[in-house]
Amino acid sequence: MIRWMFLSGIMLAACTQEPRPHHLEISDDKVEVIFGRDMSVALLDSVRAAVAAKGVSLSYPSYDYDGELLTQLEILVQHEGQVGQAKTHFIYKGRPFGFRINFRDDAKVSLEIGDLSDGFP
């Protein structure tokens, strides 16, 4: 009985997680975008315009909302001949969803897209 209650508590906590917040960082060294469920179409468009100023082409081939919450998002990123594409349904995951572009010359990986790791390798 206690085991069942423990498992039920874990499942309930996983289902009631707050949506991961969005994040945008643009600097001389990198562009990092983390998408969140609370992003409106206007905010998605402003992110696209902000990264375009750094020479990054960002498009959203498909997206869907349930009320005001983004439930599905597909992104296509292009920068200096590199192309990346990823899709999420915003099911709670341990890693954030988005992309990073590393502008440093010594970068081991210059484009990371989809479920992101903790920082650049």
PDB file of N, CA and C in Angstrom:
ATOM      1  N   MET A   1       0.820  -1.192   0.000  1.00  0.00           N
ATOM      2  CA  MET A   1       0.000   0.000   0.000  1.00  0.00           C
ATOM      3  C   MET A   1       0.876   1.272   0.000  1.00  0.00           C
ATOM      4  N   ILE A   2       1.886   1.286   0.861  1.00  0.00           N
ATOM      5  CA  ILE A   2       2.770   2.446   0.925  1.00  0.00           C
ATOM      6  C   ILE A   2       3.514   2.609  -0.392  1.00  0.00           C
ATOM      7  N   ARG A   3       3.927   1.486  -0.962  1.00  0.00           N
ATOM      8  CA  ARG A   3       4.630   1.542  -2.256  1.00  0.00           C
ATOM      9  C   ARG A   3       3.734   2.158  -3.323  1.00  0.00           C
ATOM     10  N   TRP A   4       2.457   1.781  -3.361  1.00  0.00           N
ATOM     11  CA  TRP A   4       1.511   2.310  -4.341  1.00  0.00           C
ATOM     12  C   TRP A   4       1.324   3.810  -4.136  1.00  0.00           C
ATOM     13  N   MET A   5       1.230   4.241  -2.875  1.00  0.00           N
ATOM     14  CA  MET A   5       1.059   5.668  -2.593  1.00  0.00           C
ATOM     15  C   MET A   5       2.296   6.451  -3.027  1.00  0.00           C
ATOM     16  N   PHE A   6       3.494   5.883  -2.803  1.00  0.00           N
ATOM     17  CA  PHE A   6       4.730   6.536  -3.213  1.00  0.00           C
ATOM     18  C   PHE A   6       4.777   6.704  -4.726  1.00  0.00           C
ATOM     19  N   LEU A   7       4.461   5.637  -5.458  1.00  0.00           N
ATOM     20  CA  LEU A   7       4.465   5.701  -6.917  1.00  0.00           C
ATOM     21  C   LEU A   7       3.405   6.665  -7.430  1.00  0.00           C
ATOM     22  N   SER A   8       2.245   6.685  -6.808  1.00  0.00           N
ATOM     23  CA  SER A   8       1.183   7.615  -7.208  1.00  0.00           C
ATOM     24  C   SER A   8       1.629   9.055  -6.998  1.00  0.00           C
ATOM     25  N   GLY A   9       2.332   9.315  -5.898  1.00  0.00           N
ATOM     26  CA  GLY A   9       2.833  10.666  -5.620  1.00  0.00           C
ATOM     27  C   GLY A   9       3.839  11.120  -6.651  1.00  0.00           C
ATOM     28  N   ILE A  10       4.735  10.215  -7.052  1.00  0.00           N
ATOM     29  CA  ILE A  10       5.728  10.545  -8.079  1.00  0.00           C
ATOM     30  C   ILE A  10       5.039  10.848  -9.399  1.00  0.00           C
ATOM     31  N   MET A  11       4.061  10.018  -9.780  1.00  0.00           N
ATOM     32  CA  MET A  11       3.350  10.237 -11.043  1.00  0.00           C
ATOM     33  C   MET A  11       2.581  11.553 -11.011  1.00  0.00           C
ATOM     34  N   LEU A  12       1.946  11.868  -9.903  1.00  0.00           N
ATOM     35  CA  LEU A  12       1.197  13.113  -9.784  1.00  0.00           C
ATOM     36  C   LEU A  12       2.130  14.312  -9.860  1.00  0.00           C
ATOM     37  N   ALA A  13       3.266  14.241  -9.187  1.00  0.00           N
ATOM     38  CA  ALA A  13       4.235  15.338  -9.227  1.00  0.00           C
ATOM     39  C   ALA A  13       4.758  15.553 -10.636  1.00  0.00           C
ATOM     40  N   ALA A  14       4.986  14.480 -11.376  1.00  0.00           N
ATOM     41  CA  ALA A  14       5.476  14.606 -12.753  1.00  0.00           C
ATOM     42  C   ALA A  14       4.433  15.243 -13.646  1.00  0.00           C
ATOM     43  N   CYS A  15       3.178  14.969 -13.406  1.00  0.00           N
ATOM     44  CA  CYS A  15       2.110  15.523 -14.240  1.00  0.00           C
ATOM     45  C   CYS A  15       1.808  16.979 -13.912  1.00  0.00           C
ATOM     46  N   THR A  16       2.159  17.422 -12.713  1.00  0.00           N
ATOM     47  CA  THR A  16       1.822  18.789 -12.321  1.00  0.00           C
ATOM     48  C   THR A  16       3.029  19.708 -12.337  1.00  0.00           C
ATOM     49  N   GLN A  17       4.091  19.339 -13.020  1.00  0.00           N
ATOM     50  CA  GLN A  17       5.269  20.183 -13.109  1.00  0.00           C
ATOM     51  C   GLN A  17       4.903  21.509 -13.764  1.00  0.00           C
ATOM     52  N   GLU A  18       5.468  22.582 -13.247  1.00  0.00           N
ATOM     53  CA  GLU A  18       5.301  23.873 -13.886  1.00  0.00           C
ATOM     54  C   GLU A  18       6.006  23.836 -15.242  1.00  0.00           C
ATOM     55  N   PRO A  19       5.441  24.502 -16.247  1.00  0.00           N
ATOM     56  CA  PRO A  19       6.136  24.536 -17.542  1.00  0.00           C
ATOM     57  C   PRO A  19       7.513  25.168 -17.397  1.00  0.00           C
ATOM     58  N   ARG A  20       8.495  24.581 -18.084  1.00  0.00           N
ATOM     59  CA  ARG A  20       9.854  25.111 -18.070  1.00  0.00           C
ATOM     60  C   ARG A  20       9.820  26.497 -18.713  1.00  0.00           C
ATOM     61  N   PRO A  21      10.408  27.508 -18.072  1.00  0.00           N
ATOM     62  CA  PRO A  21      10.375  28.861 -18.641  1.00  0.00           C
ATOM     63  C   PRO A  21      11.260  28.985 -19.878  1.00  0.00           C
ATOM     64  N   HIS A  22      10.924  29.949 -20.713  1.00  0.00           N
ATOM     65  CA  HIS A  22      11.741  30.194 -21.902  1.00  0.00           C
ATOM     66  C   HIS A  22      12.952  31.042 -21.519  1.00  0.00           C
ATOM     67  N   HIS A  23      13.929  31.038 -22.433  1.00  0.00           N
ATOM     68  CA  HIS A  23      15.188  31.737 -22.168  1.00  0.00           C
ATOM     69  C   HIS A  23      15.800  32.138 -23.506  1.00  0.00           C
ATOM     70  N   LEU A  24      16.331  33.343 -23.587  1.00  0.00           N
ATOM     71  CA  LEU A  24      17.020  33.829 -24.780  1.00  0.00           C
ATOM     72  C   LEU A  24      18.289  34.534 -24.335  1.00  0.00           C
ATOM     73  N   GLU A  25      19.418  34.102 -24.905  1.00  0.00           N
ATOM     74  CA  GLU A  25      20.694  34.751 -24.614  1.00  0.00           C
ATOM     75  C   GLU A  25      21.432  34.949 -25.929  1.00  0.00           C
ATOM     76  N   ILE A  26      21.778  36.188 -26.203  1.00  0.00           N
ATOM     77  CA  ILE A  26      22.525  36.529 -27.417  1.00  0.00           C
ATOM     78  C   ILE A  26      23.754  37.320 -26.983  1.00  0.00           C
ATOM     79  N   SER A  27      24.921  36.813 -27.358  1.00  0.00           N
ATOM     80  CA  SER A  27      26.169  37.502 -27.019  1.00  0.00           C
ATOM     81  C   SER A  27      27.136  37.358 -28.187  1.00  0.00           C
ATOM     82  N   ASP A  28      28.347  37.877 -28.028  1.00  0.00           N
ATOM     83  CA  ASP A  28      29.362  37.732 -29.071  1.00  0.00           C
ATOM     84  C   ASP A  28      29.789  36.279 -29.228  1.00  0.00           C
ATOM     85  N   ASP A  29      29.692  35.494 -28.139  1.00  0.00           N
ATOM     86  CA  ASP A  29      30.139  34.098 -28.159  1.00  0.00           C
ATOM     87  C   ASP A  29      29.079  33.097 -28.561  1.00  0.00           C
ATOM     88  N   LYS A  30      27.809  33.417 -28.322  1.00  0.00           N
ATOM     89  CA  LYS A  30      26.780  32.405 -28.575  1.00  0.00           C
ATOM     90  C   LYS A  30      25.386  32.999 -28.722  1.00  0.00           C
ATOM     91  N   VAL A  31      24.513  32.150 -29.262  1.00  0.00           N
ATOM     92  CA  VAL A  31      23.077  32.383 -29.246  1.00  0.00           C
ATOM     93  C   VAL A  31      22.481  31.153 -28.591  1.00  0.00           C
ATOM     94  N   GLU A  32      21.655  31.355 -27.578  1.00  0.00           N
ATOM     95  CA  GLU A  32      20.997  30.240 -26.908  1.00  0.00           C
ATOM     96  C   GLU A  32      19.521  30.567 -26.764  1.00  0.00           C
ATOM     97  N   VAL A  33      18.678  29.657 -27.234  1.00  0.00           N
ATOM     98  CA  VAL A  33      17.229  29.831 -27.132  1.00  0.00           C
ATOM     99  C   VAL A  33      16.654  28.565 -26.508  1.00  0.00           C
ATOM    100  N   ILE A  34      15.938  28.740 -25.411  1.00  0.00           N
ATOM    101  CA  ILE A  34      15.206  27.655 -24.764  1.00  0.00           C
ATOM    102  C   ILE A  34      13.723  28.009 -24.903  1.00  0.00           C
ATOM    103  N   PHE A  35      12.966  27.115 -25.495  1.00  0.00           N
ATOM    104  CA  PHE A  35      11.539  27.365 -25.709  1.00  0.00           C
ATOM    105  C   PHE A  35      10.743  26.842 -24.519  1.00  0.00           C
ATOM    106  N   GLY A  36       9.682  27.568 -24.176  1.00  0.00           N
ATOM    107  CA  GLY A  36       8.800  27.169 -23.081  1.00  0.00           C
ATOM    108  C   GLY A  36       7.357  27.132 -23.553  1.00  0.00           C
ATOM    109  N   ARG A  37       6.537  26.439 -22.798  1.00  0.00           N
ATOM    110  CA  ARG A  37       5.129  26.286 -23.175  1.00  0.00           C
ATOM    111  C   ARG A  37       4.348  27.588 -23.106  1.00  0.00           C
ATOM    112  N   ASP A  38       4.865  28.572 -22.377  1.00  0.00           N
ATOM    113  CA  ASP A  38       4.132  29.823 -22.201  1.00  0.00           C
ATOM    114  C   ASP A  38       4.447  30.867 -23.270  1.00  0.00           C
ATOM    115  N   MET A  39       5.092  30.450 -24.361  1.00  0.00           N
ATOM    116  CA  MET A  39       5.479  31.401 -25.416  1.00  0.00           C
ATOM    117  C   MET A  39       4.341  31.603 -26.421  1.00  0.00           C
ATOM    118  N   SER A  40       3.955  32.850 -26.611  1.00  0.00           N
ATOM    119  CA  SER A  40       2.917  33.196 -27.589  1.00  0.00           C
ATOM    120  C   SER A  40       3.516  33.225 -28.990  1.00  0.00           C
ATOM    121  N   VAL A  41       2.664  33.301 -29.999  1.00  0.00           N
ATOM    122  CA  VAL A  41       3.128  33.418 -31.383  1.00  0.00           C
ATOM    123  C   VAL A  41       3.933  34.709 -31.542  1.00  0.00           C
ATOM    124  N   ALA A  42       3.479  35.786 -30.917  1.00  0.00           N
ATOM    125  CA  ALA A  42       4.210  37.060 -30.995  1.00  0.00           C
ATOM    126  C   ALA A  42       5.610  36.925 -30.394  1.00  0.00           C
ATOM    127  N   LEU A  43       5.726  36.201 -29.297  1.00  0.00           N
ATOM    128  CA  LEU A  43       7.031  36.004 -28.672  1.00  0.00           C
ATOM    129  C   LEU A  43       7.922  35.126 -29.549  1.00  0.00           C
ATOM    130  N   LEU A  44       7.360  34.071 -30.148  1.00  0.00           N
ATOM    131  CA  LEU A  44       8.133  33.242 -31.082  1.00  0.00           C
ATOM    132  C   LEU A  44       8.666  34.090 -32.233  1.00  0.00           C
ATOM    133  N   ASP A  45       7.809  34.978 -32.755  1.00  0.00           N
ATOM    134  CA  ASP A  45       8.234  35.859 -33.853  1.00  0.00           C
ATOM    135  C   ASP A  45       9.330  36.826 -33.409  1.00  0.00           C
ATOM    136  N   SER A  46       9.250  37.333 -32.190  1.00  0.00           N
ATOM    137  CA  SER A  46      10.283  38.262 -31.714  1.00  0.00           C
ATOM    138  C   SER A  46      11.610  37.532 -31.498  1.00  0.00           C
ATOM    139  N   VAL A  47      11.571  36.272 -31.084  1.00  0.00           N
ATOM    140  CA  VAL A  47      12.792  35.471 -30.952  1.00  0.00           C
ATOM    141  C   VAL A  47      13.420  35.273 -32.327  1.00  0.00           C
ATOM    142  N   ARG A  48      12.584  34.961 -33.314  1.00  0.00           N
ATOM    143  CA  ARG A  48      13.079  34.791 -34.690  1.00  0.00           C
ATOM    144  C   ARG A  48      13.784  36.059 -35.178  1.00  0.00           C
ATOM    145  N   ALA A  49      13.198  37.217 -34.908  1.00  0.00           N
ATOM    146  CA  ALA A  49      13.798  38.489 -35.334  1.00  0.00           C
ATOM    147  C   ALA A  49      15.096  38.775 -34.572  1.00  0.00           C
ATOM    148  N   ALA A  50      15.127  38.457 -33.290  1.00  0.00           N
ATOM    149  CA  ALA A  50      16.323  38.726 -32.488  1.00  0.00           C
ATOM    150  C   ALA A  50      17.512  37.885 -32.947  1.00  0.00           C
ATOM    151  N   VAL A  51      17.296  36.602 -33.243  1.00  0.00           N
ATOM    152  CA  VAL A  51      18.415  35.757 -33.671  1.00  0.00           C
ATOM    153  C   VAL A  51      18.814  36.058 -35.113  1.00  0.00           C
ATOM    154  N   ALA A  52      17.886  36.575 -35.907  1.00  0.00           N
ATOM    155  CA  ALA A  52      18.206  36.946 -37.293  1.00  0.00           C
ATOM    156  C   ALA A  52      19.259  38.058 -37.316  1.00  0.00           C
ATOM    157  N   ALA A  53      19.241  38.911 -36.305  1.00  0.00           N
ATOM    158  CA  ALA A  53      20.239  39.984 -36.224  1.00  0.00           C
ATOM    159  C   ALA A  53      21.656  39.436 -36.054  1.00  0.00           C
ATOM    160  N   LYS A  54      21.796  38.192 -35.602  1.00  0.00           N
ATOM    161  CA  LYS A  54      23.102  37.537 -35.477  1.00  0.00           C
ATOM    162  C   LYS A  54      23.376  36.599 -36.648  1.00  0.00           C
ATOM    163  N   GLY A  55      22.549  36.660 -37.704  1.00  0.00           N
ATOM    164  CA  GLY A  55      22.760  35.839 -38.883  1.00  0.00           C
ATOM    165  C   GLY A  55      22.204  34.437 -38.787  1.00  0.00           C
ATOM    166  N   VAL A  56      21.290  34.217 -37.853  1.00  0.00           N
ATOM    167  CA  VAL A  56      20.687  32.897 -37.644  1.00  0.00           C
ATOM    168  C   VAL A  56      19.276  32.913 -38.228  1.00  0.00           C
ATOM    169  N   SER A  57      19.008  31.962 -39.120  1.00  0.00           N
ATOM    170  CA  SER A  57      17.664  31.816 -39.683  1.00  0.00           C
ATOM    171  C   SER A  57      16.904  30.799 -38.834  1.00  0.00           C
ATOM    172  N   LEU A  58      15.799  31.226 -38.252  1.00  0.00           N
ATOM    173  CA  LEU A  58      14.960  30.374 -37.410  1.00  0.00           C
ATOM    174  C   LEU A  58      13.558  30.365 -37.990  1.00  0.00           C
ATOM    175  N   SER A  59      13.018  29.169 -38.186  1.00  0.00           N
ATOM    176  CA  SER A  59      11.629  29.068 -38.629  1.00  0.00           C
ATOM    177  C   SER A  59      10.925  27.993 -37.818  1.00  0.00           C
ATOM    178  N   TYR A  60       9.609  28.045 -37.858  1.00  0.00           N
ATOM    179  CA  TYR A  60       8.758  27.119 -37.117  1.00  0.00           C
ATOM    180  C   TYR A  60       7.856  26.388 -38.117  1.00  0.00           C
ATOM    181  N   PRO A  61       8.321  25.264 -38.677  1.00  0.00           N
ATOM    182  CA  PRO A  61       7.511  24.542 -39.667  1.00  0.00           C
ATOM    183  C   PRO A  61       6.138  24.121 -39.140  1.00  0.00           C
ATOM    184  N   SER A  62       6.057  23.828 -37.833  1.00  0.00           N
ATOM    185  CA  SER A  62       4.755  23.493 -37.250  1.00  0.00           C
ATOM    186  C   SER A  62       4.761  23.811 -35.761  1.00  0.00           C
ATOM    187  N   TYR A  63       3.603  24.218 -35.271  1.00  0.00           N
ATOM    188  CA  TYR A  63       3.407  24.436 -33.842  1.00  0.00           C
ATOM    189  C   TYR A  63       1.923  24.340 -33.555  1.00  0.00           C
ATOM    190  N   ASP A  64       1.585  24.080 -32.279  1.00  0.00           N
ATOM    191  CA  ASP A  64       0.188  23.940 -31.896  1.00  0.00           C
ATOM    192  C   ASP A  64       0.019  24.437 -30.463  1.00  0.00           C
ATOM    193  N   TYR A  65      -1.146  24.970 -30.171  1.00  0.00           N
ATOM    194  CA  TYR A  65      -1.470  25.486 -28.843  1.00  0.00           C
ATOM    195  C   TYR A  65      -2.699  24.788 -28.293  1.00  0.00           C
ATOM    196  N   ASP A  66      -2.741  24.666 -26.960  1.00  0.00           N
ATOM    197  CA  ASP A  66      -3.940  24.260 -26.236  1.00  0.00           C
ATOM    198  C   ASP A  66      -4.270  25.452 -25.354  1.00  0.00           C
ATOM    199  N   GLY A  67      -5.203  26.258 -25.809  1.00  0.00           N
ATOM    200  CA  GLY A  67      -5.465  27.513 -25.122  1.00  0.00           C
ATOM    201  C   GLY A  67      -4.272  28.434 -25.328  1.00  0.00           C
ATOM    202  N   GLU A  68      -3.660  28.868 -24.224  1.00  0.00           N
ATOM    203  CA  GLU A  68      -2.497  29.761 -24.310  1.00  0.00           C
ATOM    204  C   GLU A  68      -1.173  29.017 -24.201  1.00  0.00           C
ATOM    205  N   LEU A  69      -1.216  27.695 -23.989  1.00  0.00           N
ATOM    206  CA  LEU A  69       0.019  26.936 -23.814  1.00  0.00           C
ATOM    207  C   LEU A  69       0.443  26.257 -25.109  1.00  0.00           C
ATOM    208  N   LEU A  70       1.698  26.439 -25.447  1.00  0.00           N
ATOM    209  CA  LEU A  70       2.299  25.789 -26.606  1.00  0.00           C
ATOM    210  C   LEU A  70       2.417  24.298 -26.301  1.00  0.00           C
ATOM    211  N   THR A  71       1.829  23.456 -27.133  1.00  0.00           N
ATOM    212  CA  THR A  71       1.849  22.012 -26.869  1.00  0.00           C
ATOM    213  C   THR A  71       2.778  21.249 -27.803  1.00  0.00           C
ATOM    214  N   GLN A  72       3.093  21.826 -28.943  1.00  0.00           N
ATOM    215  CA  GLN A  72       3.961  21.163 -29.912  1.00  0.00           C
ATOM    216  C   GLN A  72       4.708  22.235 -30.676  1.00  0.00           C
ATOM    217  N   LEU A  73       6.012  21.989 -30.914  1.00  0.00           N
ATOM    218  CA  LEU A  73       6.818  22.963 -31.635  1.00  0.00           C
ATOM    219  C   LEU A  73       7.889  22.246 -32.434  1.00  0.00           C
ATOM    220  N   GLU A  74       7.995  22.629 -33.702  1.00  0.00           N
ATOM    221  CA  GLU A  74       9.067  22.150 -34.560  1.00  0.00           C
ATOM    222  C   GLU A  74       9.892  23.376 -34.956  1.00  0.00           C
ATOM    223  N   ILE A  75      11.219  23.252 -34.849  1.00  0.00           N
ATOM    224  CA  ILE A  75      12.097  24.366 -35.198  1.00  0.00           C
ATOM    225  C   ILE A  75      13.077  23.939 -36.279  1.00  0.00           C
ATOM    226  N   LEU A  76      13.429  24.897 -37.124  1.00  0.00           N
ATOM    227  CA  LEU A  76      14.428  24.714 -38.164  1.00  0.00           C
ATOM    228  C   LEU A  76      15.411  25.876 -38.033  1.00  0.00           C
ATOM    229  N   VAL A  77      16.692  25.539 -37.823  1.00  0.00           N
ATOM    230  CA  VAL A  77      17.727  26.535 -37.593  1.00  0.00           C
ATOM    231  C   VAL A  77      18.788  26.408 -38.679  1.00  0.00           C
ATOM    232  N   GLN A  78      19.178  27.552 -39.265  1.00  0.00           N
ATOM    233  CA  GLN A  78      20.236  27.571 -40.276  1.00  0.00           C
ATOM    234  C   GLN A  78      21.211  28.690 -39.944  1.00  0.00           C
ATOM    235  N   HIS A  79      22.511  28.320 -40.011  1.00  0.00           N
ATOM    236  CA  HIS A  79      23.540  29.316 -39.750  1.00  0.00           C
ATOM    237  C   HIS A  79      24.825  28.894 -40.450  1.00  0.00           C
ATOM    238  N   GLU A  80      25.309  29.730 -41.353  1.00  0.00           N
ATOM    239  CA  GLU A  80      26.570  29.521 -42.065  1.00  0.00           C
ATOM    240  C   GLU A  80      26.715  28.092 -42.605  1.00  0.00           C
ATOM    241  N   GLY A  81      25.697  27.643 -43.324  1.00  0.00           N
ATOM    242  CA  GLY A  81      25.744  26.328 -43.962  1.00  0.00           C
ATOM    243  C   GLY A  81      25.331  25.172 -43.080  1.00  0.00           C
ATOM    244  N   GLN A  82      25.184  25.383 -41.798  1.00  0.00           N
ATOM    245  CA  GLN A  82      24.723  24.330 -40.897  1.00  0.00           C
ATOM    246  C   GLN A  82      23.207  24.407 -40.787  1.00  0.00           C
ATOM    247  N   VAL A  83      22.579  23.241 -40.762  1.00  0.00           N
ATOM    248  CA  VAL A  83      21.125  23.168 -40.653  1.00  0.00           C
ATOM    249  C   VAL A  83      20.777  22.155 -39.573  1.00  0.00           C
ATOM    250  N   GLY A  84      19.842  22.516 -38.733  1.00  0.00           N
ATOM    251  CA  GLY A  84      19.354  21.607 -37.703  1.00  0.00           C
ATOM    252  C   GLY A  84      17.856  21.722 -37.585  1.00  0.00           C
ATOM    253  N   GLN A  85      17.212  20.600 -37.277  1.00  0.00           N
ATOM    254  CA  GLN A  85      15.760  20.587 -37.134  1.00  0.00           C
ATOM    255  C   GLN A  85      15.406  19.680 -35.964  1.00  0.00           C
ATOM    256  N   ALA A  86      14.421  20.091 -35.169  1.00  0.00           N
ATOM    257  CA  ALA A  86      13.994  19.300 -34.020  1.00  0.00           C
ATOM    258  C   ALA A  86      12.524  19.584 -33.737  1.00  0.00           C
ATOM    259  N   LYS A  87      11.908  18.651 -33.023  1.00  0.00           N
ATOM    260  CA  LYS A  87      10.490  18.780 -32.705  1.00  0.00           C
ATOM    261  C   LYS A  87      10.252  18.265 -31.288  1.00  0.00           C
ATOM    262  N   THR A  88       9.335  18.918 -30.576  1.00  0.00           N
ATOM    263  CA  THR A  88       8.961  18.470 -29.240  1.00  0.00           C
ATOM    264  C   THR A  88       7.454  18.590 -29.067  1.00  0.00           C
ATOM    265  N   HIS A  89       6.957  17.789 -28.138  1.00  0.00           N
ATOM    266  CA  HIS A  89       5.550  17.870 -27.741  1.00  0.00           C
ATOM    267  C   HIS A  89       5.440  18.366 -26.305  1.00  0.00           C
ATOM    268  N   PHE A  90       6.552  18.907 -25.777  1.00  0.00           N
ATOM    269  CA  PHE A  90       6.623  19.503 -24.447  1.00  0.00           C
ATOM    270  C   PHE A  90       6.181  18.566 -23.331  1.00  0.00           C
ATOM    271  N   ILE A  91       6.428  17.274 -23.492  1.00  0.00           N
ATOM    272  CA  ILE A  91       6.251  16.355 -22.384  1.00  0.00           C
ATOM    273  C   ILE A  91       7.405  16.634 -21.442  1.00  0.00           C
ATOM    274  N   TYR A  92       7.145  16.675 -20.141  1.00  0.00           N
ATOM    275  CA  TYR A  92       8.193  17.037 -19.186  1.00  0.00           C
ATOM    276  C   TYR A  92       9.423  16.163 -19.389  1.00  0.00           C
ATOM    277  N   LYS A  93      10.559  16.789 -19.562  1.00  0.00           N
ATOM    278  CA  LYS A  93      11.834  16.108 -19.757  1.00  0.00           C
ATOM    279  C   LYS A  93      12.852  16.744 -18.831  1.00  0.00           C
ATOM    280  N   GLY A  94      13.917  16.050 -18.602  1.00  0.00           N
ATOM    281  CA  GLY A  94      14.969  16.575 -17.750  1.00  0.00           C
ATOM    282  C   GLY A  94      15.796  17.651 -18.420  1.00  0.00           C
ATOM    283  N   ARG A  95      15.784  17.701 -19.747  1.00  0.00           N
ATOM    284  CA  ARG A  95      16.591  18.674 -20.479  1.00  0.00           C
ATOM    285  C   ARG A  95      15.693  19.709 -21.161  1.00  0.00           C
ATOM    286  N   PRO A  96      16.188  20.930 -21.286  1.00  0.00           N
ATOM    287  CA  PRO A  96      15.419  21.962 -21.990  1.00  0.00           C
ATOM    288  C   PRO A  96      15.430  21.714 -23.505  1.00  0.00           C
ATOM    289  N   PHE A  97      14.439  22.252 -24.209  1.00  0.00           N
ATOM    290  CA  PHE A  97      14.326  22.131 -25.659  1.00  0.00           C
ATOM    291  C   PHE A  97      14.635  23.472 -26.291  1.00  0.00           C
ATOM    292  N   GLY A  98      15.501  23.447 -27.308  1.00  0.00           N
ATOM    293  CA  GLY A  98      15.848  24.671 -28.016  1.00  0.00           C
ATOM    294  C   GLY A  98      17.078  24.470 -28.874  1.00  0.00           C
ATOM    295  N   PHE A  99      17.894  25.529 -28.973  1.00  0.00           N
ATOM    296  CA  PHE A  99      19.132  25.404 -29.740  1.00  0.00           C
ATOM    297  C   PHE A  99      20.178  26.352 -29.204  1.00  0.00           C
ATOM    298  N   ARG A 100      21.435  26.008 -29.503  1.00  0.00           N
ATOM    299  CA  ARG A 100      22.585  26.846 -29.182  1.00  0.00           C
ATOM    300  C   ARG A 100      23.488  26.909 -30.400  1.00  0.00           C
ATOM    301  N   ILE A 101      24.034  28.078 -30.634  1.00  0.00           N
ATOM    302  CA  ILE A 101      25.064  28.233 -31.657  1.00  0.00           C
ATOM    303  C   ILE A 101      26.262  28.868 -30.965  1.00  0.00           C
ATOM    304  N   ASN A 102      27.397  28.208 -31.067  1.00  0.00           N
ATOM    305  CA  ASN A 102      28.627  28.664 -30.448  1.00  0.00           C
ATOM    306  C   ASN A 102      29.467  29.338 -31.528  1.00  0.00           C
ATOM    307  N   PHE A 103      29.781  30.613 -31.360  1.00  0.00           N
ATOM    308  CA  PHE A 103      30.539  31.371 -32.351  1.00  0.00           C
ATOM    309  C   PHE A 103      32.056  31.317 -32.129  1.00  0.00           C
ATOM    310  N   ARG A 104      32.509  30.736 -31.016  1.00  0.00           N
ATOM    311  CA  ARG A 104      33.943  30.686 -30.733  1.00  0.00           C
ATOM    312  C   ARG A 104      34.663  29.809 -31.757  1.00  0.00           C
ATOM    313  N   ASP A 105      35.866  30.210 -32.149  1.00  0.00           N
ATOM    314  CA  ASP A 105      36.648  29.451 -33.129  1.00  0.00           C
ATOM    315  C   ASP A 105      37.077  28.090 -32.606  1.00  0.00           C
ATOM    316  N   ASP A 106      37.269  27.944 -31.302  1.00  0.00           N
ATOM    317  CA  ASP A 106      37.725  26.681 -30.720  1.00  0.00           C
ATOM    318  C   ASP A 106      36.574  25.757 -30.300  1.00  0.00           C
ATOM    319  N   ALA A 107      35.361  26.043 -30.746  1.00  0.00           N
ATOM    320  CA  ALA A 107      34.205  25.240 -30.351  1.00  0.00           C
ATOM    321  C   ALA A 107      34.286  23.821 -30.917  1.00  0.00           C
ATOM    322  N   LYS A 108      34.051  22.822 -30.046  1.00  0.00           N
ATOM    323  CA  LYS A 108      33.993  21.429 -30.503  1.00  0.00           C
ATOM    324  C   LYS A 108      32.682  21.179 -31.256  1.00  0.00           C
ATOM    325  N   VAL A 109      31.612  21.796 -30.774  1.00  0.00           N
ATOM    326  CA  VAL A 109      30.295  21.704 -31.400  1.00  0.00           C
ATOM    327  C   VAL A 109      29.797  23.129 -31.580  1.00  0.00           C
ATOM    328  N   SER A 110      29.456  23.488 -32.805  1.00  0.00           N
ATOM    329  CA  SER A 110      29.010  24.867 -33.012  1.00  0.00           C
ATOM    330  C   SER A 110      27.487  25.000 -33.046  1.00  0.00           C
ATOM    331  N   LEU A 111      26.774  23.914 -33.339  1.00  0.00           N
ATOM    332  CA  LEU A 111      25.311  23.949 -33.349  1.00  0.00           C
ATOM    333  C   LEU A 111      24.780  22.754 -32.576  1.00  0.00           C
ATOM    334  N   GLU A 112      23.948  23.039 -31.587  1.00  0.00           N
ATOM    335  CA  GLU A 112      23.274  22.000 -30.809  1.00  0.00           C
ATOM    336  C   GLU A 112      21.789  22.317 -30.875  1.00  0.00           C
ATOM    337  N   ILE A 113      20.956  21.311 -31.170  1.00  0.00           N
ATOM    338  CA  ILE A 113      19.521  21.563 -31.342  1.00  0.00           C
ATOM    339  C   ILE A 113      18.722  20.393 -30.785  1.00  0.00           C
ATOM    340  N   GLY A 114      17.540  20.698 -30.245  1.00  0.00           N
ATOM    341  CA  GLY A 114      16.673  19.676 -29.674  1.00  0.00           C
ATOM    342  C   GLY A 114      16.749  19.707 -28.153  1.00  0.00           C
ATOM    343  N   ASP A 115      16.860  18.530 -27.536  1.00  0.00           N
ATOM    344  CA  ASP A 115      17.039  18.439 -26.094  1.00  0.00           C
ATOM    345  C   ASP A 115      18.476  18.804 -25.777  1.00  0.00           C
ATOM    346  N   LEU A 116      18.677  19.888 -25.059  1.00  0.00           N
ATOM    347  CA  LEU A 116      20.016  20.454 -24.874  1.00  0.00           C
ATOM    348  C   LEU A 116      20.721  19.909 -23.636  1.00  0.00           C
ATOM    349  N   SER A 117      22.039  19.812 -23.756  1.00  0.00           N
ATOM    350  CA  SER A 117      22.879  19.437 -22.631  1.00  0.00           C
ATOM    351  C   SER A 117      23.126  20.661 -21.764  1.00  0.00           C
ATOM    352  N   ASP A 118      23.899  20.479 -20.702  1.00  0.00           N
ATOM    353  CA  ASP A 118      24.234  21.589 -19.819  1.00  0.00           C
ATOM    354  C   ASP A 118      25.477  22.303 -20.327  1.00  0.00           C
ATOM    355  N   GLY A 119      25.332  23.265 -21.180  1.00  0.00           N
ATOM    356  CA  GLY A 119      26.458  24.047 -21.687  1.00  0.00           C
ATOM    357  C   GLY A 119      27.127  23.419 -22.893  1.00  0.00           C
ATOM    358  N   PHE A 120      28.073  24.139 -23.448  1.00  0.00           N
ATOM    359  CA  PHE A 120      28.779  23.677 -24.645  1.00  0.00           C
ATOM    360  C   PHE A 120      29.866  22.685 -24.295  1.00  0.00           C
ATOM    361  N   PRO A 121      30.033  21.666 -25.132  1.00  0.00           N
ATOM    362  CA  PRO A 121      31.156  20.740 -24.914  1.00  0.00           C
ATOM    363  C   PRO A 121      32.477  21.381 -25.302  1.00  0.00           C
TER     364      PRO A 121
END
